[in-house]
N, C-alpha and C. Protein backbone atom coordinates (compact mmCIF):
# COMPACT_ATOMS: atom_id res chain seq x y z
N UNK A 1 105.12 91.34 73.29
CA UNK A 1 104.63 92.33 74.18
C UNK A 1 105.64 93.27 73.76
N UNK A 2 105.55 94.35 73.97
CA UNK A 2 106.42 95.40 73.87
C UNK A 2 107.49 95.57 74.04
N UNK A 3 108.78 96.10 74.01
CA UNK A 3 109.62 96.26 74.82
C UNK A 3 110.19 97.44 75.85
N UNK A 4 110.33 96.50 76.93
CA UNK A 4 110.53 97.70 77.66
C UNK A 4 111.26 98.83 77.96
N UNK A 5 110.77 100.17 78.94
CA UNK A 5 111.82 101.06 78.52
C UNK A 5 112.93 101.35 79.87
N UNK A 6 113.99 101.75 79.53
CA UNK A 6 114.85 102.20 80.68
C UNK A 6 114.77 102.18 82.06
N UNK A 7 113.64 103.05 81.86
CA UNK A 7 113.00 103.73 83.76
C UNK A 7 112.19 102.45 83.75
N UNK A 8 111.35 101.83 82.73
CA UNK A 8 110.52 100.52 83.27
C UNK A 8 111.12 99.85 83.82
N UNK A 9 112.18 99.36 83.57
CA UNK A 9 113.49 98.06 83.41
C UNK A 9 113.67 98.02 84.42
N UNK A 10 114.58 99.48 84.68
CA UNK A 10 115.13 99.94 86.42
C UNK A 10 113.92 99.85 87.12
N UNK A 11 113.07 100.03 87.32
CA UNK A 11 111.66 99.89 88.21
C UNK A 11 111.36 98.17 88.27
N UNK A 12 110.90 98.28 87.40
CA UNK A 12 110.66 96.63 88.19
C UNK A 12 111.73 95.58 88.36
N UNK A 13 113.29 96.33 88.24
CA UNK A 13 114.47 95.36 88.59
C UNK A 13 115.00 95.66 89.73
N UNK A 14 114.18 96.26 90.55
CA UNK A 14 114.10 97.90 92.11
C UNK A 14 112.77 97.11 92.89
N UNK A 15 111.95 95.86 91.83
CA UNK A 15 110.90 95.23 92.66
C UNK A 15 109.59 96.31 92.57
N UNK A 16 109.76 96.98 91.64
CA UNK A 16 108.71 98.41 91.52
C UNK A 16 107.23 97.80 90.65
N UNK A 17 106.70 99.27 90.20
CA UNK A 17 105.64 98.20 89.54
C UNK A 17 105.39 99.20 88.20
N UNK A 18 105.91 99.47 87.59
CA UNK A 18 105.77 100.45 86.24
C UNK A 18 104.50 100.34 85.16
N UNK A 19 103.68 101.64 85.76
CA UNK A 19 102.21 101.46 85.04
C UNK A 19 101.91 103.15 85.01
N UNK A 20 100.56 102.89 84.10
CA UNK A 20 99.95 104.01 83.81
C UNK A 20 99.35 105.16 85.50
N UNK A 21 99.49 106.28 85.80
CA UNK A 21 100.17 106.88 86.50
C UNK A 21 99.10 108.77 85.87
N UNK A 22 98.24 109.18 86.73
CA UNK A 22 97.98 110.61 87.28
C UNK A 22 97.75 110.70 85.29
N UNK A 23 97.95 112.31 84.75
CA UNK A 23 97.12 112.51 83.78
C UNK A 23 97.46 112.34 82.23
N UNK A 24 98.05 110.76 82.18
CA UNK A 24 99.00 110.47 81.26
C UNK A 24 99.80 110.24 81.46
N UNK A 25 100.58 110.21 82.50
CA UNK A 25 101.68 109.76 82.67
C UNK A 25 102.25 108.44 82.91
N UNK A 26 103.17 108.19 83.56
CA UNK A 26 103.37 106.98 84.11
C UNK A 26 104.55 106.67 84.30
N UNK A 27 104.49 106.38 86.12
CA UNK A 27 106.09 106.17 86.66
C UNK A 27 105.91 104.55 87.47
N UNK A 28 107.03 104.32 88.52
CA UNK A 28 106.83 103.75 89.45
C UNK A 28 106.78 103.89 90.67
N UNK A 29 105.70 102.44 90.44
CA UNK A 29 105.22 102.81 91.86
C UNK A 29 106.56 101.62 92.90
N UNK A 30 106.75 102.19 94.26
CA UNK A 30 107.56 100.93 95.21
C UNK A 30 106.92 100.70 96.21
N UNK A 31 106.86 99.47 96.29
CA UNK A 31 105.78 98.30 97.33
C UNK A 31 106.98 99.21 98.56
N UNK A 32 105.83 99.93 99.90
CA UNK A 32 106.84 100.12 101.10
C UNK A 32 107.04 98.17 101.81
N UNK A 33 107.96 98.57 102.80
CA UNK A 33 108.27 97.28 103.83
C UNK A 33 106.97 97.67 104.79
N UNK A 34 106.25 98.71 104.94
CA UNK A 34 105.82 98.30 106.44
C UNK A 34 104.41 98.45 105.86
N UNK A 35 104.00 98.76 104.80
CA UNK A 35 102.51 98.45 104.34
C UNK A 35 101.48 98.09 105.18
N UNK A 36 100.62 98.67 105.68
CA UNK A 36 99.11 98.45 106.38
C UNK A 36 100.39 98.55 107.92
N UNK A 37 100.94 98.91 107.88
CA UNK A 37 101.18 99.28 109.46
C UNK A 37 100.38 100.39 110.85
N UNK A 38 100.50 100.21 111.90
CA UNK A 38 99.41 101.23 112.03
C UNK A 38 100.58 102.55 112.28
N UNK A 39 100.00 103.36 112.15
CA UNK A 39 100.58 104.81 112.23
C UNK A 39 99.45 106.30 113.10
N UNK A 40 100.92 107.02 113.84
CA UNK A 40 100.57 108.16 113.99
C UNK A 40 100.15 109.38 113.47
N UNK A 41 101.58 109.84 112.38
CA UNK A 41 102.51 109.82 111.74
C UNK A 41 102.94 109.73 110.41
N UNK A 42 103.59 110.55 109.81
CA UNK A 42 104.56 110.01 108.65
C UNK A 42 105.54 109.86 109.07
N UNK A 43 106.52 110.70 110.14
CA UNK A 43 107.95 108.85 110.43
C UNK A 43 107.37 108.49 110.70
N UNK A 44 106.49 107.38 111.31
CA UNK A 44 106.60 105.99 111.51
C UNK A 44 106.20 105.38 109.92
N UNK A 45 106.06 106.62 109.03
CA UNK A 45 106.00 105.20 107.33
C UNK A 45 107.58 105.23 107.33
N UNK A 46 107.07 104.45 106.31
CA UNK A 46 107.89 105.14 104.88
C UNK A 46 107.98 105.60 104.10
N UNK A 47 106.17 105.62 103.80
CA UNK A 47 105.66 106.32 102.44
C UNK A 47 105.28 107.49 103.11
N UNK A 48 104.07 107.65 102.99
CA UNK A 48 102.35 108.04 104.02
C UNK A 48 101.75 107.38 105.21
N UNK A 49 101.23 108.27 106.31
CA UNK A 49 100.84 107.22 106.49
C UNK A 49 98.82 108.30 106.57
N UNK A 50 98.66 106.87 106.27
CA UNK A 50 97.19 107.50 105.82
C UNK A 50 95.66 107.77 106.60
N UNK A 51 95.52 109.29 106.75
CA UNK A 51 95.14 109.43 108.17
C UNK A 51 93.54 107.94 107.86
N UNK A 52 92.78 107.87 107.07
CA UNK A 52 91.44 106.97 107.28
C UNK A 52 91.27 106.24 107.92
N UNK A 53 92.61 105.56 107.38
CA UNK A 53 92.84 103.66 107.81
C UNK A 53 93.79 103.45 109.15
N UNK A 54 94.56 105.09 109.26
CA UNK A 54 96.01 104.90 110.18
C UNK A 54 96.74 103.81 109.89
N UNK A 55 96.81 103.65 108.47
CA UNK A 55 97.87 101.91 108.30
C UNK A 55 99.14 103.59 107.81
N UNK A 56 100.44 102.77 107.03
CA UNK A 56 101.50 103.12 106.29
C UNK A 56 100.75 102.99 104.86
N UNK A 57 101.09 103.74 103.93
CA UNK A 57 100.96 103.60 102.65
C UNK A 57 101.19 102.26 102.03
N UNK A 58 100.84 101.66 100.77
CA UNK A 58 100.97 100.15 100.66
C UNK A 58 102.31 100.58 99.72
N UNK A 59 102.39 101.95 98.73
CA UNK A 59 103.02 102.22 97.91
C UNK A 59 103.23 103.60 97.76
N UNK A 60 104.56 104.32 97.57
CA UNK A 60 104.94 105.10 97.01
C UNK A 60 105.39 105.61 95.86
N UNK A 61 105.42 106.50 94.62
CA UNK A 61 104.32 107.49 95.91
C UNK A 61 102.75 107.04 95.17
N UNK A 62 101.86 107.90 96.24
CA UNK A 62 100.48 107.82 96.06
C UNK A 62 100.10 108.87 95.27
N UNK A 63 99.25 108.39 94.12
CA UNK A 63 99.13 109.70 93.01
C UNK A 63 97.67 109.59 93.45
N UNK A 64 96.68 110.35 92.95
CA UNK A 64 95.42 110.55 93.14
C UNK A 64 95.61 111.82 94.50
N UNK A 65 94.39 111.65 95.33
CA UNK A 65 93.79 112.64 96.07
C UNK A 65 93.68 111.31 98.02
N UNK A 66 94.69 111.89 98.83
CA UNK A 66 94.80 110.85 100.24
C UNK A 66 94.65 111.57 100.82
N UNK A 67 94.11 112.20 102.05
CA UNK A 67 94.65 112.46 103.64
C UNK A 67 95.76 111.60 104.13
N UNK A 68 96.06 112.73 105.10
CA UNK A 68 98.02 111.50 105.28
C UNK A 68 97.78 112.93 107.01
N UNK A 69 98.49 112.16 107.48
CA UNK A 69 98.69 112.80 108.84
C UNK A 69 100.32 112.72 109.01
N UNK A 70 100.90 114.04 108.89
CA UNK A 70 102.53 115.20 108.90
C UNK A 70 102.58 114.70 110.15
N UNK A 71 103.77 114.48 110.27
CA UNK A 71 104.79 114.65 111.17
C UNK A 71 104.45 115.42 112.80
N UNK A 72 102.89 116.48 112.48
CA UNK A 72 103.27 117.45 113.16
C UNK A 72 101.69 116.81 113.84
N UNK A 73 101.08 116.02 113.58
CA UNK A 73 99.79 115.13 113.83
C UNK A 73 98.65 115.95 112.60
N UNK A 74 98.91 116.94 112.58
CA UNK A 74 98.23 117.60 111.58
C UNK A 74 97.98 116.52 110.00
N UNK A 75 96.43 116.60 109.85
CA UNK A 75 95.78 115.30 108.54
C UNK A 75 95.89 116.53 107.99
N UNK A 76 96.50 116.20 105.68
CA UNK A 76 96.72 117.22 105.71
C UNK A 76 95.55 116.33 103.62
N UNK A 77 94.97 117.09 102.70
CA UNK A 77 94.77 115.85 101.55
C UNK A 77 95.95 116.50 101.27
N UNK A 78 96.96 115.54 100.22
CA UNK A 78 97.92 115.51 99.50
C UNK A 78 96.77 114.75 98.09
N UNK A 79 97.47 115.73 96.93
CA UNK A 79 96.59 115.60 95.97
C UNK A 79 98.48 115.60 94.81
N UNK A 80 98.05 114.74 94.21
CA UNK A 80 99.87 114.11 93.08
C UNK A 80 99.00 113.56 92.04
N UNK A 81 99.38 114.32 91.32
CA UNK A 81 98.45 113.75 89.69
C UNK A 81 100.01 114.21 88.71
């Protein structure tokens, strides 16, 4: 296997998952401690409160487009590429 970059090593050392994301990039996806917990607003979660399921996101950041619940209760679509 190819040698890991310093960024990839730092990510995996912290418990993250390094992988291809977005438009040809790579990033460290960190699991959240409250993944799957019920939520009503973003501050209920370590990451995002996912509107569709009403649960905290499994990792951060969440790439792609996701409907999230902001702290004021408003549902918005957040797109990260």
